[in-house]
Amino acid sequence: MSFEGVHTPLVTPFKTDGEIDHDLLGKHAANLAGRVSGLGVGGTTGEYYALSFDERVQTFNTVAEAAGGKTYLTAGINATTTKEVIRLGLEAKRAGLSALLVAAPYYAQPTQEELLLHLLKVDDSLDMPIMLYNFPARTGTEISDGVLQKLLERPNFIAMKESTGDISRLHHLATHFRDKLVLSCGMDDQALEFFVWGAKSWVGGASNFLPEAHTTLFDVCVKRGDFETGRKQMAQLLPVLELLERSGKFIQYVRYGCELAGMPVGVARAPLGTLTEEERGAFARLVQPMLRNAQ
């Protein structure tokens, strides 16, 4: 098992009182374990930034117990300080997760030299396979070529989820770092472009409720190299992914998608809200035919 394939960054289900629904989280993880290549716990889709340290640790344990040994499990351990990242990583390792997802510490905006030292210290402390997460729109700091080159000298830095949305950046990584790292699509509405340029990994939030649509597209493009069929499949999936990536309501749409798929997971934690009735109706018209096709 590895970072290759479709990996689902799990949504965090909440009860009506706002507490985490661990029973539902476990069921969701177990249900997806045989349908995608791997699961991520504590990523953006899981609203890690809205959870306490203890809550994050509890989600690691819940998913490891429900799906451990059945699929590749990656723990998102991003935080604002090196100390907190390492503490989370140690808990993920203790829980038995397979690997780590690590971005630049958000809000702090370290220099590139500081970022490199941070990531090296994380590796020294945890010694686990790592997927880097390049999402400067959320963290405020990009993972530069210089940092990436230094990290790739170490065996644990294996992959990078690229979420800048910049196609030229995709071209650059796919050509200058070819065969040096597993390039993972982190901008869902650009999945086809990533696959054309050789990416073999996709961390897709909408696979929480449309796993087969994601794995089918991946298999057609990556395993078979049939991009004509891939374009047709992406054309159907694209309106859903564009709403997620371009609307400013990524989390809300993923949560409603889970509800449409028969798994209500509650509302996002404030300050995030819910979709309007108009948004819900428009999204349902896009998603429901794809859910029926998957049955």
C-alpha atoms as a PDB file:
ATOM      1  CA  MET A   1       0.000   0.000   0.000  1.00  0.00           C
ATOM      2  CA  SER A   2       1.152   3.546  -0.707  1.00  0.00           C
ATOM      3  CA  PHE A   3       0.136   7.114  -1.433  1.00  0.00           C
ATOM      4  CA  GLU A   4      -0.874   6.094  -4.956  1.00  0.00           C
ATOM      5  CA  GLY A   5      -4.517   5.774  -5.952  1.00  0.00           C
ATOM      6  CA  VAL A   6      -7.591   7.617  -4.669  1.00  0.00           C
ATOM      7  CA  HIS A   7      -7.436   8.646  -1.015  1.00  0.00           C
ATOM      8  CA  THR A   8     -10.479  10.007   0.798  1.00  0.00           C
ATOM      9  CA  PRO A   9      -9.868  12.809   3.323  1.00  0.00           C
ATOM     10  CA  LEU A  10     -12.585  11.846   5.765  1.00  0.00           C
ATOM     11  CA  VAL A  11     -15.253  14.304   6.831  1.00  0.00           C
ATOM     12  CA  THR A  12     -15.724  14.579  10.610  1.00  0.00           C
ATOM     13  CA  PRO A  13     -19.347  13.751  11.499  1.00  0.00           C
ATOM     14  CA  PHE A  14     -20.922  15.920  14.181  1.00  0.00           C
ATOM     15  CA  LYS A  15     -23.975  15.222  16.334  1.00  0.00           C
ATOM     16  CA  THR A  16     -26.724  17.800  16.795  1.00  0.00           C
ATOM     17  CA  ASP A  17     -24.966  19.049  19.941  1.00  0.00           C
ATOM     18  CA  GLY A  18     -21.782  19.671  17.953  1.00  0.00           C
ATOM     19  CA  GLU A  19     -19.788  16.781  19.409  1.00  0.00           C
ATOM     20  CA  ILE A  20     -17.988  14.300  17.145  1.00  0.00           C
ATOM     21  CA  ASP A  21     -20.068  11.260  16.206  1.00  0.00           C
ATOM     22  CA  HIS A  22     -17.380   8.606  16.563  1.00  0.00           C
ATOM     23  CA  ASP A  23     -19.739   5.734  15.784  1.00  0.00           C
ATOM     24  CA  LEU A  24     -20.607   7.298  12.450  1.00  0.00           C
ATOM     25  CA  LEU A  25     -16.986   8.203  11.723  1.00  0.00           C
ATOM     26  CA  GLY A  26     -15.998   4.577  12.262  1.00  0.00           C
ATOM     27  CA  LYS A  27     -18.803   3.287  10.050  1.00  0.00           C
ATOM     28  CA  HIS A  28     -17.937   5.765   7.315  1.00  0.00           C
ATOM     29  CA  ALA A  29     -14.259   4.783   7.417  1.00  0.00           C
ATOM     30  CA  ALA A  30     -15.055   1.071   7.347  1.00  0.00           C
ATOM     31  CA  ASN A  31     -17.490   1.555   4.469  1.00  0.00           C
ATOM     32  CA  LEU A  32     -14.920   3.371   2.335  1.00  0.00           C
ATOM     33  CA  ALA A  33     -11.954   1.173   3.266  1.00  0.00           C
ATOM     34  CA  GLY A  34     -12.517  -1.319   0.447  1.00  0.00           C
ATOM     35  CA  ARG A  35     -13.650   1.204  -2.128  1.00  0.00           C
ATOM     36  CA  VAL A  36     -10.670   3.581  -2.299  1.00  0.00           C
ATOM     37  CA  SER A  37      -6.909   3.167  -1.948  1.00  0.00           C
ATOM     38  CA  GLY A  38      -6.595   4.981   1.351  1.00  0.00           C
ATOM     39  CA  LEU A  39      -8.188   7.225   3.943  1.00  0.00           C
ATOM     40  CA  GLY A  40      -6.978  10.468   5.457  1.00  0.00           C
ATOM     41  CA  VAL A  41      -7.834  11.584   8.986  1.00  0.00           C
ATOM     42  CA  GLY A  42      -7.389  15.172  10.105  1.00  0.00           C
ATOM     43  CA  GLY A  43      -7.221  16.937   6.753  1.00  0.00           C
ATOM     44  CA  THR A  44      -8.925  20.102   5.568  1.00  0.00           C
ATOM     45  CA  THR A  45     -12.103  18.170   4.744  1.00  0.00           C
ATOM     46  CA  GLY A  46     -12.161  16.891   8.326  1.00  0.00           C
ATOM     47  CA  GLU A  47     -11.980  20.454   9.696  1.00  0.00           C
ATOM     48  CA  TYR A  48      -8.870  19.672  11.740  1.00  0.00           C
ATOM     49  CA  TYR A  49      -8.412  23.360  12.533  1.00  0.00           C
ATOM     50  CA  ALA A  50     -11.788  23.354  14.333  1.00  0.00           C
ATOM     51  CA  LEU A  51     -10.959  20.365  16.560  1.00  0.00           C
ATOM     52  CA  SER A  52      -9.125  20.324  19.873  1.00  0.00           C
ATOM     53  CA  PHE A  53      -5.936  18.306  20.303  1.00  0.00           C
ATOM     54  CA  ASP A  54      -7.816  15.583  22.180  1.00  0.00           C
ATOM     55  CA  GLU A  55     -10.555  15.451  19.553  1.00  0.00           C
ATOM     56  CA  ARG A  56      -7.990  15.014  16.809  1.00  0.00           C
ATOM     57  CA  VAL A  57      -6.321  12.172  18.696  1.00  0.00           C
ATOM     58  CA  GLN A  58      -9.710  10.519  19.226  1.00  0.00           C
ATOM     59  CA  THR A  59     -10.420  10.614  15.477  1.00  0.00           C
ATOM     60  CA  PHE A  60      -7.066   8.889  14.822  1.00  0.00           C
ATOM     61  CA  ASN A  61      -8.022   6.128  17.232  1.00  0.00           C
ATOM     62  CA  THR A  62     -11.566   5.763  15.890  1.00  0.00           C
ATOM     63  CA  VAL A  63     -10.494   5.396  12.260  1.00  0.00           C
ATOM     64  CA  ALA A  64      -7.556   3.126  13.092  1.00  0.00           C
ATOM     65  CA  GLU A  65      -9.867   0.817  15.021  1.00  0.00           C
ATOM     66  CA  ALA A  66     -12.540   0.826  12.314  1.00  0.00           C
ATOM     67  CA  ALA A  67     -10.355   0.557   9.217  1.00  0.00           C
ATOM     68  CA  GLY A  68      -6.839  -0.240  10.416  1.00  0.00           C
ATOM     69  CA  GLY A  69      -5.235  -3.029   8.438  1.00  0.00           C
ATOM     70  CA  LYS A  70      -7.857  -2.772   5.688  1.00  0.00           C
ATOM     71  CA  THR A  71      -6.465   0.246   3.878  1.00  0.00           C
ATOM     72  CA  TYR A  72      -3.695   2.861   3.902  1.00  0.00           C
ATOM     73  CA  LEU A  73      -4.330   5.436   6.653  1.00  0.00           C
ATOM     74  CA  THR A  74      -2.773   8.893   6.592  1.00  0.00           C
ATOM     75  CA  ALA A  75      -2.912  11.244   9.566  1.00  0.00           C
ATOM     76  CA  GLY A  76      -3.108  14.980   8.955  1.00  0.00           C
ATOM     77  CA  ILE A  77      -1.008  16.485  11.727  1.00  0.00           C
ATOM     78  CA  ASN A  78      -0.745  20.124  10.739  1.00  0.00           C
ATOM     79  CA  ALA A  79      -0.733  22.738  13.503  1.00  0.00           C
ATOM     80  CA  THR A  80       0.722  26.171  14.215  1.00  0.00           C
ATOM     81  CA  THR A  81       3.836  24.989  16.059  1.00  0.00           C
ATOM     82  CA  THR A  82       6.457  22.307  15.544  1.00  0.00           C
ATOM     83  CA  LYS A  83       5.844  20.962  19.035  1.00  0.00           C
ATOM     84  CA  GLU A  84       2.120  20.461  18.397  1.00  0.00           C
ATOM     85  CA  VAL A  85       2.733  18.808  15.016  1.00  0.00           C
ATOM     86  CA  ILE A  86       5.108  16.308  16.609  1.00  0.00           C
ATOM     87  CA  ARG A  87       2.709  15.639  19.499  1.00  0.00           C
ATOM     88  CA  LEU A  88      -0.047  14.856  17.004  1.00  0.00           C
ATOM     89  CA  GLY A  89       2.300  12.694  14.957  1.00  0.00           C
ATOM     90  CA  LEU A  90       3.291  10.643  17.975  1.00  0.00           C
ATOM     91  CA  GLU A  91      -0.390  10.013  18.727  1.00  0.00           C
ATOM     92  CA  ALA A  92      -1.038   9.006  15.125  1.00  0.00           C
ATOM     93  CA  LYS A  93       1.916   6.628  15.242  1.00  0.00           C
ATOM     94  CA  ARG A  94       0.676   5.201  18.533  1.00  0.00           C
ATOM     95  CA  ALA A  95      -2.757   4.655  16.997  1.00  0.00           C
ATOM     96  CA  GLY A  96      -1.200   2.648  14.168  1.00  0.00           C
ATOM     97  CA  LEU A  97      -1.791   4.937  11.205  1.00  0.00           C
ATOM     98  CA  SER A  98       0.355   4.286   8.149  1.00  0.00           C
ATOM     99  CA  ALA A  99       1.652   7.708   7.189  1.00  0.00           C
ATOM    100  CA  LEU A 100       1.493  11.473   7.720  1.00  0.00           C
ATOM    101  CA  LEU A 101       0.173  14.488   5.832  1.00  0.00           C
ATOM    102  CA  VAL A 102       2.174  17.600   6.693  1.00  0.00           C
ATOM    103  CA  ALA A 103       1.685  21.172   5.469  1.00  0.00           C
ATOM    104  CA  ALA A 104       3.407  24.394   6.405  1.00  0.00           C
ATOM    105  CA  PRO A 105       2.261  25.606   9.837  1.00  0.00           C
ATOM    106  CA  TYR A 106      -0.705  27.848   9.156  1.00  0.00           C
ATOM    107  CA  TYR A 107      -0.831  31.521  10.177  1.00  0.00           C
ATOM    108  CA  ALA A 108       2.781  31.485  11.437  1.00  0.00           C
ATOM    109  CA  GLN A 109       4.194  31.972   7.903  1.00  0.00           C
ATOM    110  CA  PRO A 110       7.745  30.705   8.496  1.00  0.00           C
ATOM    111  CA  THR A 111      10.545  31.573   6.091  1.00  0.00           C
ATOM    112  CA  GLN A 112      11.666  28.817   3.751  1.00  0.00           C
ATOM    113  CA  GLU A 113      14.672  28.137   5.976  1.00  0.00           C
ATOM    114  CA  GLU A 114      12.410  27.886   9.019  1.00  0.00           C
ATOM    115  CA  LEU A 115       9.966  25.667   7.132  1.00  0.00           C
ATOM    116  CA  LEU A 116      12.771  23.301   6.141  1.00  0.00           C
ATOM    117  CA  LEU A 117      14.008  23.016   9.731  1.00  0.00           C
ATOM    118  CA  HIS A 118      10.429  22.419  10.896  1.00  0.00           C
ATOM    119  CA  LEU A 119       9.855  19.579   8.437  1.00  0.00           C
ATOM    120  CA  LEU A 120      13.232  17.979   9.139  1.00  0.00           C
ATOM    121  CA  LYS A 121      12.513  18.044  12.858  1.00  0.00           C
ATOM    122  CA  VAL A 122       9.127  16.409  12.243  1.00  0.00           C
ATOM    123  CA  ASP A 123      10.834  13.651  10.260  1.00  0.00           C
ATOM    124  CA  ASP A 124      13.545  13.184  12.899  1.00  0.00           C
ATOM    125  CA  SER A 125      10.921  12.839  15.622  1.00  0.00           C
ATOM    126  CA  LEU A 126       8.405  10.584  13.871  1.00  0.00           C
ATOM    127  CA  ASP A 127      10.198   8.526  11.188  1.00  0.00           C
ATOM    128  CA  MET A 128       7.067   7.761   9.135  1.00  0.00           C
ATOM    129  CA  PRO A 129       6.209   8.072   5.423  1.00  0.00           C
ATOM    130  CA  ILE A 130       5.198  11.665   4.689  1.00  0.00           C
ATOM    131  CA  MET A 131       3.003  13.314   2.082  1.00  0.00           C
ATOM    132  CA  LEU A 132       3.704  17.037   1.985  1.00  0.00           C
ATOM    133  CA  TYR A 133       0.707  19.324   1.512  1.00  0.00           C
ATOM    134  CA  ASN A 134       1.335  22.462  -0.539  1.00  0.00           C
ATOM    135  CA  PHE A 135      -1.651  24.733   0.079  1.00  0.00           C
ATOM    136  CA  PRO A 136      -0.364  28.312   0.434  1.00  0.00           C
ATOM    137  CA  ALA A 137      -3.858  29.808   0.108  1.00  0.00           C
ATOM    138  CA  ARG A 138      -4.675  28.248   3.493  1.00  0.00           C
ATOM    139  CA  THR A 139      -1.270  28.171   5.207  1.00  0.00           C
ATOM    140  CA  GLY A 140       0.215  31.399   3.889  1.00  0.00           C
ATOM    141  CA  THR A 141       3.478  29.634   3.006  1.00  0.00           C
ATOM    142  CA  GLU A 142       4.450  27.732  -0.129  1.00  0.00           C
ATOM    143  CA  ILE A 143       6.732  24.715  -0.100  1.00  0.00           C
ATOM    144  CA  SER A 144       9.444  25.920  -2.477  1.00  0.00           C
ATOM    145  CA  ASP A 145      11.594  23.909  -4.876  1.00  0.00           C
ATOM    146  CA  GLY A 146      14.597  24.437  -2.634  1.00  0.00           C
ATOM    147  CA  VAL A 147      12.820  22.995   0.390  1.00  0.00           C
ATOM    148  CA  LEU A 148      11.372  20.142  -1.641  1.00  0.00           C
ATOM    149  CA  GLN A 149      14.754  19.185  -3.075  1.00  0.00           C
ATOM    150  CA  LYS A 150      16.304  19.031   0.390  1.00  0.00           C
ATOM    151  CA  LEU A 151      13.429  16.965   1.778  1.00  0.00           C
ATOM    152  CA  LEU A 152      13.548  14.460  -1.058  1.00  0.00           C
ATOM    153  CA  GLU A 153      17.087  13.545   0.002  1.00  0.00           C
ATOM    154  CA  ARG A 154      15.394  11.728   2.884  1.00  0.00           C
ATOM    155  CA  PRO A 155      13.482   8.476   2.315  1.00  0.00           C
ATOM    156  CA  ASN A 156      10.372   9.380   4.326  1.00  0.00           C
ATOM    157  CA  PHE A 157       9.379  12.310   2.105  1.00  0.00           C
ATOM    158  CA  ILE A 158       7.589  10.398  -0.618  1.00  0.00           C
ATOM    159  CA  ALA A 159       4.700  12.451  -1.973  1.00  0.00           C
ATOM    160  CA  MET A 160       3.215  15.920  -2.257  1.00  0.00           C
ATOM    161  CA  LYS A 161      -0.401  16.950  -2.453  1.00  0.00           C
ATOM    162  CA  GLU A 162      -0.314  19.984  -4.726  1.00  0.00           C
ATOM    163  CA  SER A 163      -3.167  22.401  -4.028  1.00  0.00           C
ATOM    164  CA  THR A 164      -2.068  25.747  -5.440  1.00  0.00           C
ATOM    165  CA  GLY A 165      -4.473  25.502  -8.374  1.00  0.00           C
ATOM    166  CA  ASP A 166      -1.690  26.820 -10.614  1.00  0.00           C
ATOM    167  CA  ILE A 167      -1.418  24.701 -13.758  1.00  0.00           C
ATOM    168  CA  SER A 168       2.083  26.003 -14.458  1.00  0.00           C
ATOM    169  CA  ARG A 169       3.091  24.729 -11.023  1.00  0.00           C
ATOM    170  CA  LEU A 170       1.674  21.325 -11.955  1.00  0.00           C
ATOM    171  CA  HIS A 171       3.718  21.360 -15.168  1.00  0.00           C
ATOM    172  CA  HIS A 172       6.834  22.307 -13.235  1.00  0.00           C
ATOM    173  CA  LEU A 173       6.476  19.560 -10.631  1.00  0.00           C
ATOM    174  CA  ALA A 174       5.556  16.942 -13.213  1.00  0.00           C
ATOM    175  CA  THR A 175       8.641  17.676 -15.302  1.00  0.00           C
ATOM    176  CA  HIS A 176      11.329  18.708 -12.792  1.00  0.00           C
ATOM    177  CA  PHE A 177      10.400  16.218 -10.076  1.00  0.00           C
ATOM    178  CA  ARG A 178       9.295  13.321 -12.246  1.00  0.00           C
ATOM    179  CA  ASP A 179      10.206   9.987 -10.641  1.00  0.00           C
ATOM    180  CA  LYS A 180      11.379  11.820  -7.506  1.00  0.00           C
ATOM    181  CA  LEU A 181       8.043  11.972  -5.694  1.00  0.00           C
ATOM    182  CA  VAL A 182       4.466  10.781  -5.912  1.00  0.00           C
ATOM    183  CA  LEU A 183       2.560  13.803  -7.200  1.00  0.00           C
ATOM    184  CA  SER A 184      -0.956  13.943  -5.777  1.00  0.00           C
ATOM    185  CA  CYS A 185      -3.872  15.966  -7.096  1.00  0.00           C
ATOM    186  CA  GLY A 186      -5.033  18.368  -4.415  1.00  0.00           C
ATOM    187  CA  MET A 187      -7.179  20.590  -6.626  1.00  0.00           C
ATOM    188  CA  ASP A 188     -10.119  18.378  -7.478  1.00  0.00           C
ATOM    189  CA  ASP A 189     -11.406  20.170 -10.558  1.00  0.00           C
ATOM    190  CA  GLN A 190      -7.949  19.731 -12.135  1.00  0.00           C
ATOM    191  CA  ALA A 191      -7.754  15.961 -11.635  1.00  0.00           C
ATOM    192  CA  LEU A 192      -7.725  15.185 -15.356  1.00  0.00           C
ATOM    193  CA  GLU A 193      -4.855  17.595 -15.927  1.00  0.00           C
ATOM    194  CA  PHE A 194      -2.893  16.007 -13.094  1.00  0.00           C
ATOM    195  CA  PHE A 195      -3.375  12.555 -14.595  1.00  0.00           C
ATOM    196  CA  VAL A 196      -2.354  13.725 -18.067  1.00  0.00           C
ATOM    197  CA  TRP A 197       0.901  14.945 -16.521  1.00  0.00           C
ATOM    198  CA  GLY A 198       1.599  11.662 -14.792  1.00  0.00           C
ATOM    199  CA  ALA A 199       0.138  12.092 -11.299  1.00  0.00           C
ATOM    200  CA  LYS A 200      -0.666   8.746  -9.690  1.00  0.00           C
ATOM    201  CA  SER A 201      -2.455   9.977  -6.586  1.00  0.00           C
ATOM    202  CA  TRP A 202      -5.646  11.911  -5.844  1.00  0.00           C
ATOM    203  CA  VAL A 203      -6.767  13.139  -2.429  1.00  0.00           C
ATOM    204  CA  GLY A 204     -10.353  14.070  -3.247  1.00  0.00           C
ATOM    205  CA  GLY A 205     -12.901  15.387  -0.753  1.00  0.00           C
ATOM    206  CA  ALA A 206     -15.896  14.465  -2.883  1.00  0.00           C
ATOM    207  CA  SER A 207     -14.874  10.799  -2.704  1.00  0.00           C
ATOM    208  CA  ASN A 208     -16.569  10.869   0.709  1.00  0.00           C
ATOM    209  CA  PHE A 209     -19.836  10.531  -1.220  1.00  0.00           C
ATOM    210  CA  LEU A 210     -18.815   9.653  -4.796  1.00  0.00           C
ATOM    211  CA  PRO A 211     -15.970   7.146  -4.322  1.00  0.00           C
ATOM    212  CA  GLU A 212     -16.714   5.098  -7.437  1.00  0.00           C
ATOM    213  CA  ALA A 213     -16.750   8.160  -9.689  1.00  0.00           C
ATOM    214  CA  HIS A 214     -13.271   8.998  -8.420  1.00  0.00           C
ATOM    215  CA  THR A 215     -11.794   5.509  -8.658  1.00  0.00           C
ATOM    216  CA  THR A 216     -13.282   4.952 -12.116  1.00  0.00           C
ATOM    217  CA  LEU A 217     -11.767   8.178 -13.423  1.00  0.00           C
ATOM    218  CA  PHE A 218      -8.437   7.307 -11.835  1.00  0.00           C
ATOM    219  CA  ASP A 219      -8.403   3.796 -13.291  1.00  0.00           C
ATOM    220  CA  VAL A 220      -9.371   4.945 -16.776  1.00  0.00           C
ATOM    221  CA  CYS A 221      -6.719   7.659 -16.881  1.00  0.00           C
ATOM    222  CA  VAL A 222      -3.844   6.312 -14.792  1.00  0.00           C
ATOM    223  CA  LYS A 223      -4.109   2.559 -15.223  1.00  0.00           C
ATOM    224  CA  ARG A 224      -5.447   2.426 -18.794  1.00  0.00           C
ATOM    225  CA  GLY A 225      -4.250   5.733 -20.234  1.00  0.00           C
ATOM    226  CA  ASP A 226      -7.632   6.214 -21.908  1.00  0.00           C
ATOM    227  CA  PHE A 227      -7.960   9.974 -21.735  1.00  0.00           C
ATOM    228  CA  GLU A 228     -10.751  10.147 -24.283  1.00  0.00           C
ATOM    229  CA  THR A 229     -13.002   8.204 -21.929  1.00  0.00           C
ATOM    230  CA  GLY A 230     -11.473  10.115 -19.026  1.00  0.00           C
ATOM    231  CA  ARG A 231     -12.559  13.438 -20.508  1.00  0.00           C
ATOM    232  CA  LYS A 232     -16.136  12.200 -20.809  1.00  0.00           C
ATOM    233  CA  GLN A 233     -16.178  11.019 -17.211  1.00  0.00           C
ATOM    234  CA  MET A 234     -14.553  14.205 -15.956  1.00  0.00           C
ATOM    235  CA  ALA A 235     -17.138  16.270 -17.846  1.00  0.00           C
ATOM    236  CA  GLN A 236     -19.848  14.657 -15.732  1.00  0.00           C
ATOM    237  CA  LEU A 237     -17.950  15.009 -12.461  1.00  0.00           C
ATOM    238  CA  LEU A 238     -16.543  18.474 -13.120  1.00  0.00           C
ATOM    239  CA  PRO A 239     -19.608  20.583 -12.178  1.00  0.00           C
ATOM    240  CA  VAL A 240     -19.618  18.930  -8.748  1.00  0.00           C
ATOM    241  CA  LEU A 241     -15.891  19.476  -8.248  1.00  0.00           C
ATOM    242  CA  GLU A 242     -16.040  23.079  -9.470  1.00  0.00           C
ATOM    243  CA  LEU A 243     -18.670  23.900  -6.862  1.00  0.00           C
ATOM    244  CA  LEU A 244     -16.468  22.409  -4.164  1.00  0.00           C
ATOM    245  CA  GLU A 245     -13.308  24.195  -5.233  1.00  0.00           C
ATOM    246  CA  ARG A 246     -14.640  27.524  -6.488  1.00  0.00           C
ATOM    247  CA  SER A 247     -17.686  28.341  -4.367  1.00  0.00           C
ATOM    248  CA  GLY A 248     -15.964  29.090  -1.067  1.00  0.00           C
ATOM    249  CA  LYS A 249     -18.132  26.387   0.553  1.00  0.00           C
ATOM    250  CA  PHE A 250     -16.038  23.262   0.102  1.00  0.00           C
ATOM    251  CA  ILE A 251     -16.820  21.780   3.523  1.00  0.00           C
ATOM    252  CA  GLN A 252     -20.529  22.567   3.298  1.00  0.00           C
ATOM    253  CA  TYR A 253     -20.873  20.891  -0.098  1.00  0.00           C
ATOM    254  CA  VAL A 254     -18.993  17.767   1.004  1.00  0.00           C
ATOM    255  CA  ARG A 255     -21.253  17.496   4.042  1.00  0.00           C
ATOM    256  CA  TYR A 256     -24.382  17.841   1.949  1.00  0.00           C
ATOM    257  CA  GLY A 257     -23.006  15.329  -0.543  1.00  0.00           C
ATOM    258  CA  CYS A 258     -22.703  12.816   2.295  1.00  0.00           C
ATOM    259  CA  GLU A 259     -26.325  13.527   3.233  1.00  0.00           C
ATOM    260  CA  LEU A 260     -27.436  12.902  -0.360  1.00  0.00           C
ATOM    261  CA  ALA A 261     -25.526   9.607  -0.260  1.00  0.00           C
ATOM    262  CA  GLY A 262     -27.528   8.531   2.778  1.00  0.00           C
ATOM    263  CA  MET A 263     -25.045   9.469   5.485  1.00  0.00           C
ATOM    264  CA  PRO A 264     -25.988  12.743   7.213  1.00  0.00           C
ATOM    265  CA  VAL A 265     -22.869  14.013   9.000  1.00  0.00           C
ATOM    266  CA  GLY A 266     -24.224  17.190  10.573  1.00  0.00           C
ATOM    267  CA  VAL A 267     -23.246  20.784   9.940  1.00  0.00           C
ATOM    268  CA  ALA A 268     -19.781  22.313   9.970  1.00  0.00           C
ATOM    269  CA  ARG A 269     -18.497  23.985  13.085  1.00  0.00           C
ATOM    270  CA  ALA A 270     -18.902  27.755  13.264  1.00  0.00           C
ATOM    271  CA  PRO A 271     -17.887  30.080  11.796  1.00  0.00           C
ATOM    272  CA  LEU A 272     -18.807  27.928   8.794  1.00  0.00           C
ATOM    273  CA  GLY A 273     -22.519  27.693   8.132  1.00  0.00           C
ATOM    274  CA  THR A 274     -24.767  25.702   5.810  1.00  0.00           C
ATOM    275  CA  LEU A 275     -25.871  25.828   2.196  1.00  0.00           C
ATOM    276  CA  THR A 276     -28.888  27.827   1.097  1.00  0.00           C
ATOM    277  CA  GLU A 277     -31.931  25.958  -0.175  1.00  0.00           C
ATOM    278  CA  GLU A 278     -31.084  27.131  -3.685  1.00  0.00           C
ATOM    279  CA  GLU A 279     -27.527  25.796  -3.363  1.00  0.00           C
ATOM    280  CA  ARG A 280     -28.775  22.496  -1.960  1.00  0.00           C
ATOM    281  CA  GLY A 281     -31.231  22.045  -4.806  1.00  0.00           C
ATOM    282  CA  ALA A 282     -28.688  22.812  -7.512  1.00  0.00           C
ATOM    283  CA  PHE A 283     -26.113  20.474  -5.960  1.00  0.00           C
ATOM    284  CA  ALA A 284     -28.636  17.664  -5.536  1.00  0.00           C
ATOM    285  CA  ARG A 285     -29.515  17.840  -9.224  1.00  0.00           C
ATOM    286  CA  LEU A 286     -25.852  17.305 -10.077  1.00  0.00           C
ATOM    287  CA  VAL A 287     -25.063  14.599  -7.532  1.00  0.00           C
ATOM    288  CA  GLN A 288     -28.159  12.394  -7.412  1.00  0.00           C
ATOM    289  CA  PRO A 289     -27.827  11.029 -10.988  1.00  0.00           C
ATOM    290  CA  MET A 290     -24.227  10.028 -10.216  1.00  0.00           C
ATOM    291  CA  LEU A 291     -25.322   8.297  -7.008  1.00  0.00           C
ATOM    292  CA  ARG A 292     -27.953   6.329  -8.933  1.00  0.00           C
ATOM    293  CA  ASN A 293     -25.406   5.323 -11.552  1.00  0.00           C
ATOM    294  CA  ALA A 294     -23.138   3.964  -8.818  1.00  0.00           C
ATOM    295  CA  GLN A 295     -25.848   1.680  -7.430  1.00  0.00           C
END
